[in-house]
PDB file of N, CA and C in Angstrom:
ATOM      1  N   MET A   1     -12.515  -1.175 -73.413  1.00  0.00           N
ATOM      2  CA  MET A   1     -13.101  -0.732 -74.672  1.00  0.00           C
ATOM      3  C   MET A   1     -11.978  -0.408 -75.652  1.00  0.00           C
ATOM      4  N   LYS A   2     -12.084  -0.872 -76.884  1.00  0.00           N
ATOM      5  CA  LYS A   2     -11.016  -0.683 -77.852  1.00  0.00           C
ATOM      6  C   LYS A   2     -10.969   0.724 -78.448  1.00  0.00           C
ATOM      7  N   TYR A   3     -11.897   1.578 -78.088  1.00  0.00           N
ATOM      8  CA  TYR A   3     -11.925   2.911 -78.667  1.00  0.00           C
ATOM      9  C   TYR A   3     -11.326   3.979 -77.763  1.00  0.00           C
ATOM     10  N   PHE A   4     -10.804   3.607 -76.607  1.00  0.00           N
ATOM     11  CA  PHE A   4     -10.132   4.586 -75.765  1.00  0.00           C
ATOM     12  C   PHE A   4      -8.809   4.984 -76.401  1.00  0.00           C
ATOM     13  N   GLY A   5      -8.389   6.211 -76.156  1.00  0.00           N
ATOM     14  CA  GLY A   5      -7.157   6.721 -76.745  1.00  0.00           C
ATOM     15  C   GLY A   5      -7.483   7.596 -77.938  1.00  0.00           C
ATOM     16  N   SER A   6      -6.603   7.591 -78.923  1.00  0.00           N
ATOM     17  CA  SER A   6      -6.820   8.410 -80.124  1.00  0.00           C
ATOM     18  C   SER A   6      -6.847   7.510 -81.349  1.00  0.00           C
ATOM     19  N   HIS A   7      -7.741   7.852 -82.273  1.00  0.00           N
ATOM     20  CA  HIS A   7      -7.912   7.039 -83.473  1.00  0.00           C
ATOM     21  C   HIS A   7      -8.218   7.940 -84.660  1.00  0.00           C
ATOM     22  N   ALA A   8      -7.540   7.690 -85.769  1.00  0.00           N
ATOM     23  CA  ALA A   8      -7.810   8.435 -87.000  1.00  0.00           C
ATOM     24  C   ALA A   8      -9.232   8.127 -87.455  1.00  0.00           C
ATOM     25  N   ARG A   9      -9.964   9.170 -87.795  1.00  0.00           N
ATOM     26  CA  ARG A   9     -11.346   9.031 -88.260  1.00  0.00           C
ATOM     27  C   ARG A   9     -11.625  10.071 -89.340  1.00  0.00           C
ATOM     28  N   GLU A  10     -12.673   9.833 -90.091  1.00  0.00           N
ATOM     29  CA  GLU A  10     -13.171  10.814 -91.040  1.00  0.00           C
ATOM     30  C   GLU A  10     -14.624  11.079 -90.696  1.00  0.00           C
ATOM     31  N   VAL A  11     -14.959  12.329 -90.451  1.00  0.00           N
ATOM     32  CA  VAL A  11     -16.314  12.732 -90.089  1.00  0.00           C
ATOM     33  C   VAL A  11     -16.774  13.795 -91.080  1.00  0.00           C
ATOM     34  N   LEU A  12     -17.866  13.547 -91.758  1.00  0.00           N
ATOM     35  CA  LEU A  12     -18.403  14.470 -92.757  1.00  0.00           C
ATOM     36  C   LEU A  12     -17.322  14.897 -93.756  1.00  0.00           C
ATOM     37  N   ASP A  13     -16.598  13.924 -94.273  1.00  0.00           N
ATOM     38  CA  ASP A  13     -15.530  14.120 -95.259  1.00  0.00           C
ATOM     39  C   ASP A  13     -14.344  14.931 -94.742  1.00  0.00           C
ATOM     40  N   THR A  14     -14.192  15.013 -93.428  1.00  0.00           N
ATOM     41  CA  THR A  14     -13.064  15.728 -92.825  1.00  0.00           C
ATOM     42  C   THR A  14     -12.242  14.747 -92.005  1.00  0.00           C
ATOM     43  N   LYS A  15     -10.943  14.652 -92.315  1.00  0.00           N
ATOM     44  CA  LYS A  15     -10.060  13.767 -91.567  1.00  0.00           C
ATOM     45  C   LYS A  15      -9.630  14.431 -90.265  1.00  0.00           C
ATOM     46  N   GLY A  16      -9.410  13.611 -89.256  1.00  0.00           N
ATOM     47  CA  GLY A  16      -8.963  14.109 -87.972  1.00  0.00           C
ATOM     48  C   GLY A  16      -8.776  12.949 -87.019  1.00  0.00           C
ATOM     49  N   TYR A  17      -8.837  13.243 -85.721  1.00  0.00           N
ATOM     50  CA  TYR A  17      -8.681  12.215 -84.696  1.00  0.00           C
ATOM     51  C   TYR A  17      -9.812  12.283 -83.690  1.00  0.00           C
ATOM     52  N   TYR A  18     -10.300  11.094 -83.345  1.00  0.00           N
ATOM     53  CA  TYR A  18     -11.300  10.925 -82.296  1.00  0.00           C
ATOM     54  C   TYR A  18     -10.548  10.544 -81.025  1.00  0.00           C
ATOM     55  N   PHE A  19     -10.904  11.169 -79.919  1.00  0.00           N
ATOM     56  CA  PHE A  19     -10.281  10.898 -78.635  1.00  0.00           C
ATOM     57  C   PHE A  19     -11.342  10.435 -77.644  1.00  0.00           C
ATOM     58  N   ALA A  20     -10.998   9.462 -76.814  1.00  0.00           N
ATOM     59  CA  ALA A  20     -11.902   8.996 -75.761  1.00  0.00           C
ATOM     60  C   ALA A  20     -11.090   8.515 -74.568  1.00  0.00           C
ATOM     61  N   VAL A  21     -11.502   8.928 -73.390  1.00  0.00           N
ATOM     62  CA  VAL A  21     -10.861   8.490 -72.143  1.00  0.00           C
ATOM     63  C   VAL A  21     -11.952   8.219 -71.118  1.00  0.00           C
ATOM     64  N   TRP A  22     -11.639   7.372 -70.168  1.00  0.00           N
ATOM     65  CA  TRP A  22     -12.541   7.128 -69.040  1.00  0.00           C
ATOM     66  C   TRP A  22     -11.986   7.887 -67.851  1.00  0.00           C
ATOM     67  N   ALA A  23     -12.719   8.883 -67.402  1.00  0.00           N
ATOM     68  CA  ALA A  23     -12.290   9.725 -66.286  1.00  0.00           C
ATOM     69  C   ALA A  23     -13.526  10.107 -65.476  1.00  0.00           C
ATOM     70  N   PRO A  24     -14.083   9.159 -64.713  1.00  0.00           N
ATOM     71  CA  PRO A  24     -15.369   9.387 -64.043  1.00  0.00           C
ATOM     72  C   PRO A  24     -15.363  10.501 -63.002  1.00  0.00           C
ATOM     73  N   ASN A  25     -14.202  10.848 -62.456  1.00  0.00           N
ATOM     74  CA  ASN A  25     -14.153  11.895 -61.437  1.00  0.00           C
ATOM     75  C   ASN A  25     -13.657  13.231 -61.957  1.00  0.00           C
ATOM     76  N   ALA A  26     -13.368  13.316 -63.241  1.00  0.00           N
ATOM     77  CA  ALA A  26     -12.866  14.566 -63.816  1.00  0.00           C
ATOM     78  C   ALA A  26     -13.993  15.578 -63.965  1.00  0.00           C
ATOM     79  N   THR A  27     -13.630  16.828 -63.857  1.00  0.00           N
ATOM     80  CA  THR A  27     -14.590  17.903 -64.101  1.00  0.00           C
ATOM     81  C   THR A  27     -14.339  18.558 -65.451  1.00  0.00           C
ATOM     82  N   ALA A  28     -13.207  18.283 -66.064  1.00  0.00           N
ATOM     83  CA  ALA A  28     -12.879  18.767 -67.404  1.00  0.00           C
ATOM     84  C   ALA A  28     -11.739  17.913 -67.948  1.00  0.00           C
ATOM     85  N   VAL A  29     -11.760  17.710 -69.261  1.00  0.00           N
ATOM     86  CA  VAL A  29     -10.706  16.951 -69.933  1.00  0.00           C
ATOM     87  C   VAL A  29     -10.421  17.653 -71.255  1.00  0.00           C
ATOM     88  N   SER A  30      -9.140  17.823 -71.587  1.00  0.00           N
ATOM     89  CA  SER A  30      -8.753  18.476 -72.836  1.00  0.00           C
ATOM     90  C   SER A  30      -7.631  17.706 -73.502  1.00  0.00           C
ATOM     91  N   VAL A  31      -7.515  17.894 -74.812  1.00  0.00           N
ATOM     92  CA  VAL A  31      -6.406  17.344 -75.578  1.00  0.00           C
ATOM     93  C   VAL A  31      -5.434  18.489 -75.843  1.00  0.00           C
ATOM     94  N   ILE A  32      -4.161  18.259 -75.545  1.00  0.00           N
ATOM     95  CA  ILE A  32      -3.154  19.293 -75.771  1.00  0.00           C
ATOM     96  C   ILE A  32      -1.978  18.705 -76.529  1.00  0.00           C
ATOM     97  N   GLY A  33      -1.246  19.562 -77.228  1.00  0.00           N
ATOM     98  CA  GLY A  33      -0.066  19.125 -77.961  1.00  0.00           C
ATOM     99  C   GLY A  33       0.515  20.272 -78.752  1.00  0.00           C
ATOM    100  N   ASN A  34       1.517  19.953 -79.561  1.00  0.00           N
ATOM    101  CA  ASN A  34       2.138  20.980 -80.400  1.00  0.00           C
ATOM    102  C   ASN A  34       1.123  21.629 -81.337  1.00  0.00           C
ATOM    103  N   PHE A  35       0.143  20.852 -81.790  1.00  0.00           N
ATOM    104  CA  PHE A  35      -0.838  21.346 -82.761  1.00  0.00           C
ATOM    105  C   PHE A  35      -1.677  22.513 -82.225  1.00  0.00           C
ATOM    106  N   ASN A  36      -1.817  22.637 -80.895  1.00  0.00           N
ATOM    107  CA  ASN A  36      -2.585  23.756 -80.331  1.00  0.00           C
ATOM    108  C   ASN A  36      -1.758  24.552 -79.314  1.00  0.00           C
ATOM    109  N   HIS A  37      -0.441  24.444 -79.457  1.00  0.00           N
ATOM    110  CA  HIS A  37       0.502  25.205 -78.618  1.00  0.00           C
ATOM    111  C   HIS A  37       0.310  24.922 -77.133  1.00  0.00           C
ATOM    112  N   TRP A  38      -0.099  23.673 -76.812  1.00  0.00           N
ATOM    113  CA  TRP A  38      -0.248  23.196 -75.426  1.00  0.00           C
ATOM    114  C   TRP A  38      -1.265  24.016 -74.624  1.00  0.00           C
ATOM    115  N   LYS A  39      -2.266  24.546 -75.295  1.00  0.00           N
ATOM    116  CA  LYS A  39      -3.307  25.336 -74.623  1.00  0.00           C
ATOM    117  C   LYS A  39      -4.472  24.420 -74.237  1.00  0.00           C
ATOM    118  N   PRO A  40      -4.722  24.230 -72.945  1.00  0.00           N
ATOM    119  CA  PRO A  40      -5.751  23.280 -72.515  1.00  0.00           C
ATOM    120  C   PRO A  40      -7.184  23.690 -72.846  1.00  0.00           C
ATOM    121  N   ASP A  41      -7.423  24.941 -73.167  1.00  0.00           N
ATOM    122  CA  ASP A  41      -8.790  25.380 -73.476  1.00  0.00           C
ATOM    123  C   ASP A  41      -9.137  25.256 -74.957  1.00  0.00           C
ATOM    124  N   GLU A  42      -8.162  24.911 -75.790  1.00  0.00           N
ATOM    125  CA  GLU A  42      -8.389  24.869 -77.235  1.00  0.00           C
ATOM    126  C   GLU A  42      -9.250  23.686 -77.690  1.00  0.00           C
ATOM    127  N   HIS A  43      -9.048  22.503 -77.107  1.00  0.00           N
ATOM    128  CA  HIS A  43      -9.742  21.294 -77.564  1.00  0.00           C
ATOM    129  C   HIS A  43     -10.271  20.476 -76.386  1.00  0.00           C
ATOM    130  N   PRO A  44     -11.347  20.947 -75.770  1.00  0.00           N
ATOM    131  CA  PRO A  44     -11.934  20.180 -74.661  1.00  0.00           C
ATOM    132  C   PRO A  44     -12.645  18.937 -75.180  1.00  0.00           C
ATOM    133  N   LEU A  45     -12.667  17.898 -74.353  1.00  0.00           N
ATOM    134  CA  LEU A  45     -13.496  16.733 -74.631  1.00  0.00           C
ATOM    135  C   LEU A  45     -14.806  16.909 -73.881  1.00  0.00           C
ATOM    136  N   PHE A  46     -15.806  16.164 -74.274  1.00  0.00           N
ATOM    137  CA  PHE A  46     -17.134  16.302 -73.689  1.00  0.00           C
ATOM    138  C   PHE A  46     -17.570  14.986 -73.066  1.00  0.00           C
ATOM    139  N   VAL A  47     -18.165  15.069 -71.906  1.00  0.00           N
ATOM    140  CA  VAL A  47     -18.603  13.871 -71.196  1.00  0.00           C
ATOM    141  C   VAL A  47     -19.891  13.358 -71.831  1.00  0.00           C
ATOM    142  N   ARG A  48     -20.012  12.048 -71.914  1.00  0.00           N
ATOM    143  CA  ARG A  48     -21.239  11.452 -72.458  1.00  0.00           C
ATOM    144  C   ARG A  48     -22.401  11.674 -71.512  1.00  0.00           C
ATOM    145  N   LEU A  49     -23.566  11.832 -72.068  1.00  0.00           N
ATOM    146  CA  LEU A  49     -24.753  12.135 -71.267  1.00  0.00           C
ATOM    147  C   LEU A  49     -25.219  10.978 -70.394  1.00  0.00           C
ATOM    148  N   GLU A  50     -24.835   9.740 -70.726  1.00  0.00           N
ATOM    149  CA  GLU A  50     -25.322   8.603 -69.935  1.00  0.00           C
ATOM    150  C   GLU A  50     -24.549   8.426 -68.630  1.00  0.00           C
ATOM    151  N   LYS A  51     -23.656   9.356 -68.319  1.00  0.00           N
ATOM    152  CA  LYS A  51     -22.924   9.375 -67.047  1.00  0.00           C
ATOM    153  C   LYS A  51     -22.018   8.163 -66.867  1.00  0.00           C
ATOM    154  N   SER A  52     -21.398   7.726 -67.940  1.00  0.00           N
ATOM    155  CA  SER A  52     -20.486   6.590 -67.886  1.00  0.00           C
ATOM    156  C   SER A  52     -19.083   7.002 -67.446  1.00  0.00           C
ATOM    157  N   GLY A  53     -18.814   8.296 -67.425  1.00  0.00           N
ATOM    158  CA  GLY A  53     -17.475   8.770 -67.115  1.00  0.00           C
ATOM    159  C   GLY A  53     -16.567   8.825 -68.329  1.00  0.00           C
ATOM    160  N   ILE A  54     -17.126   8.557 -69.507  1.00  0.00           N
ATOM    161  CA  ILE A  54     -16.343   8.604 -70.743  1.00  0.00           C
ATOM    162  C   ILE A  54     -16.414  10.015 -71.325  1.00  0.00           C
ATOM    163  N   TRP A  55     -15.239  10.555 -71.606  1.00  0.00           N
ATOM    164  CA  TRP A  55     -15.099  11.856 -72.248  1.00  0.00           C
ATOM    165  C   TRP A  55     -14.620  11.605 -73.668  1.00  0.00           C
ATOM    166  N   GLU A  56     -15.169  12.333 -74.651  1.00  0.00           N
ATOM    167  CA  GLU A  56     -14.807  12.074 -76.033  1.00  0.00           C
ATOM    168  C   GLU A  56     -14.900  13.336 -76.872  1.00  0.00           C
ATOM    169  N   GLY A  57     -14.277  13.290 -78.035  1.00  0.00           N
ATOM    170  CA  GLY A  57     -14.352  14.402 -78.963  1.00  0.00           C
ATOM    171  C   GLY A  57     -13.602  14.107 -80.240  1.00  0.00           C
ATOM    172  N   PHE A  58     -13.890  14.886 -81.255  1.00  0.00           N
ATOM    173  CA  PHE A  58     -13.246  14.768 -82.561  1.00  0.00           C
ATOM    174  C   PHE A  58     -12.546  16.083 -82.854  1.00  0.00           C
ATOM    175  N   ILE A  59     -11.270  15.986 -83.235  1.00  0.00           N
ATOM    176  CA  ILE A  59     -10.515  17.180 -83.609  1.00  0.00           C
ATOM    177  C   ILE A  59     -10.177  17.056 -85.089  1.00  0.00           C
ATOM    178  N   PRO A  60     -10.738  17.933 -85.910  1.00  0.00           N
ATOM    179  CA  PRO A  60     -10.509  17.840 -87.349  1.00  0.00           C
ATOM    180  C   PRO A  60      -9.157  18.407 -87.759  1.00  0.00           C
ATOM    181  N   ASN A  61      -8.671  17.900 -88.878  1.00  0.00           N
ATOM    182  CA  ASN A  61      -7.507  18.458 -89.558  1.00  0.00           C
ATOM    183  C   ASN A  61      -6.235  18.504 -88.724  1.00  0.00           C
ATOM    184  N   ILE A  62      -6.022  17.504 -87.876  1.00  0.00           N
ATOM    185  CA  ILE A  62      -4.734  17.407 -87.191  1.00  0.00           C
ATOM    186  C   ILE A  62      -4.057  16.121 -87.625  1.00  0.00           C
ATOM    187  N   LYS A  63      -2.739  16.128 -87.581  1.00  0.00           N
ATOM    188  CA  LYS A  63      -1.957  14.946 -87.916  1.00  0.00           C
ATOM    189  C   LYS A  63      -1.537  14.257 -86.634  1.00  0.00           C
ATOM    190  N   ARG A  64      -1.248  12.993 -86.733  1.00  0.00           N
ATOM    191  CA  ARG A  64      -0.770  12.217 -85.588  1.00  0.00           C
ATOM    192  C   ARG A  64       0.549  12.808 -85.112  1.00  0.00           C
ATOM    193  N   GLU A  65       0.632  13.111 -83.845  1.00  0.00           N
ATOM    194  CA  GLU A  65       1.845  13.666 -83.260  1.00  0.00           C
ATOM    195  C   GLU A  65       2.379  12.729 -82.201  1.00  0.00           C
ATOM    196  N   LYS A  66       3.659  12.791 -82.003  1.00  0.00           N
ATOM    197  CA  LYS A  66       4.270  11.980 -80.965  1.00  0.00           C
ATOM    198  C   LYS A  66       3.900  12.507 -79.577  1.00  0.00           C
ATOM    199  N   PHE A  67       3.676  13.791 -79.452  1.00  0.00           N
ATOM    200  CA  PHE A  67       3.449  14.394 -78.146  1.00  0.00           C
ATOM    201  C   PHE A  67       2.052  14.987 -78.031  1.00  0.00           C
ATOM    202  N   ILE A  68       1.054  14.141 -78.074  1.00  0.00           N
ATOM    203  CA  ILE A  68      -0.314  14.562 -77.778  1.00  0.00           C
ATOM    204  C   ILE A  68      -0.632  14.038 -76.392  1.00  0.00           C
ATOM    205  N   ASN A  69      -1.162  14.881 -75.538  1.00  0.00           N
ATOM    206  CA  ASN A  69      -1.491  14.493 -74.168  1.00  0.00           C
ATOM    207  C   ASN A  69      -2.949  14.806 -73.865  1.00  0.00           C
ATOM    208  N   ILE A  70      -3.433  14.131 -72.864  1.00  0.00           N
ATOM    209  CA  ILE A  70      -4.751  14.415 -72.320  1.00  0.00           C
ATOM    210  C   ILE A  70      -4.528  15.056 -70.954  1.00  0.00           C
ATOM    211  N   ILE A  71      -5.181  16.162 -70.688  1.00  0.00           N
ATOM    212  CA  ILE A  71      -5.047  16.803 -69.395  1.00  0.00           C
ATOM    213  C   ILE A  71      -6.400  16.762 -68.686  1.00  0.00           C
ATOM    214  N   PHE A  72      -6.371  16.329 -67.437  1.00  0.00           N
ATOM    215  CA  PHE A  72      -7.577  16.211 -66.632  1.00  0.00           C
ATOM    216  C   PHE A  72      -7.653  17.381 -65.661  1.00  0.00           C
ATOM    217  N   ALA A  73      -8.848  17.781 -65.283  1.00  0.00           N
ATOM    218  CA  ALA A  73      -9.027  18.913 -64.372  1.00  0.00           C
ATOM    219  C   ALA A  73      -8.408  18.648 -63.011  1.00  0.00           C
ATOM    220  N   ASP A  74      -8.180  17.384 -62.662  1.00  0.00           N
ATOM    221  CA  ASP A  74      -7.580  17.076 -61.363  1.00  0.00           C
ATOM    222  C   ASP A  74      -6.050  17.132 -61.416  1.00  0.00           C
ATOM    223  N   SER A  75      -5.498  17.751 -62.480  1.00  0.00           N
ATOM    224  CA  SER A  75      -4.067  17.997 -62.660  1.00  0.00           C
ATOM    225  C   SER A  75      -3.238  16.775 -63.012  1.00  0.00           C
ATOM    226  N   ILE A  76      -3.863  15.666 -63.319  1.00  0.00           N
ATOM    227  CA  ILE A  76      -3.119  14.489 -63.759  1.00  0.00           C
ATOM    228  C   ILE A  76      -2.950  14.588 -65.275  1.00  0.00           C
ATOM    229  N   ILE A  77      -1.744  14.450 -65.743  1.00  0.00           N
ATOM    230  CA  ILE A  77      -1.482  14.481 -67.176  1.00  0.00           C
ATOM    231  C   ILE A  77      -0.994  13.105 -67.582  1.00  0.00           C
ATOM    232  N   ARG A  78      -1.611  12.562 -68.636  1.00  0.00           N
ATOM    233  CA  ARG A  78      -1.228  11.231 -69.095  1.00  0.00           C
ATOM    234  C   ARG A  78      -1.009  11.274 -70.598  1.00  0.00           C
ATOM    235  N   LYS A  79       0.084  10.681 -71.058  1.00  0.00           N
ATOM    236  CA  LYS A  79       0.346  10.601 -72.487  1.00  0.00           C
ATOM    237  C   LYS A  79      -0.463   9.480 -73.104  1.00  0.00           C
ATOM    238  N   LEU A  80      -0.911   9.716 -74.302  1.00  0.00           N
ATOM    239  CA  LEU A  80      -1.573   8.647 -75.058  1.00  0.00           C
ATOM    240  C   LEU A  80      -0.536   7.825 -75.754  1.00  0.00           C
TER     241      LEU A  80
END
């Protein structure tokens, strides 16, 4: 799917980034980086209701950073 990863979007006239990952066995997924002081509870992603294993979310008012990561509840950290 071409929408996995991070993509600049505008939602309700607010610029930000949309994030999507496929993590069917994860129990939680968060976006972390300098913008939120690497705090995993600040920007959680939400699993889709159709049980596809896709986690997604929109974070408003952030700029593209070189060091944005996705953290999975199973302790695997992967850079976007």
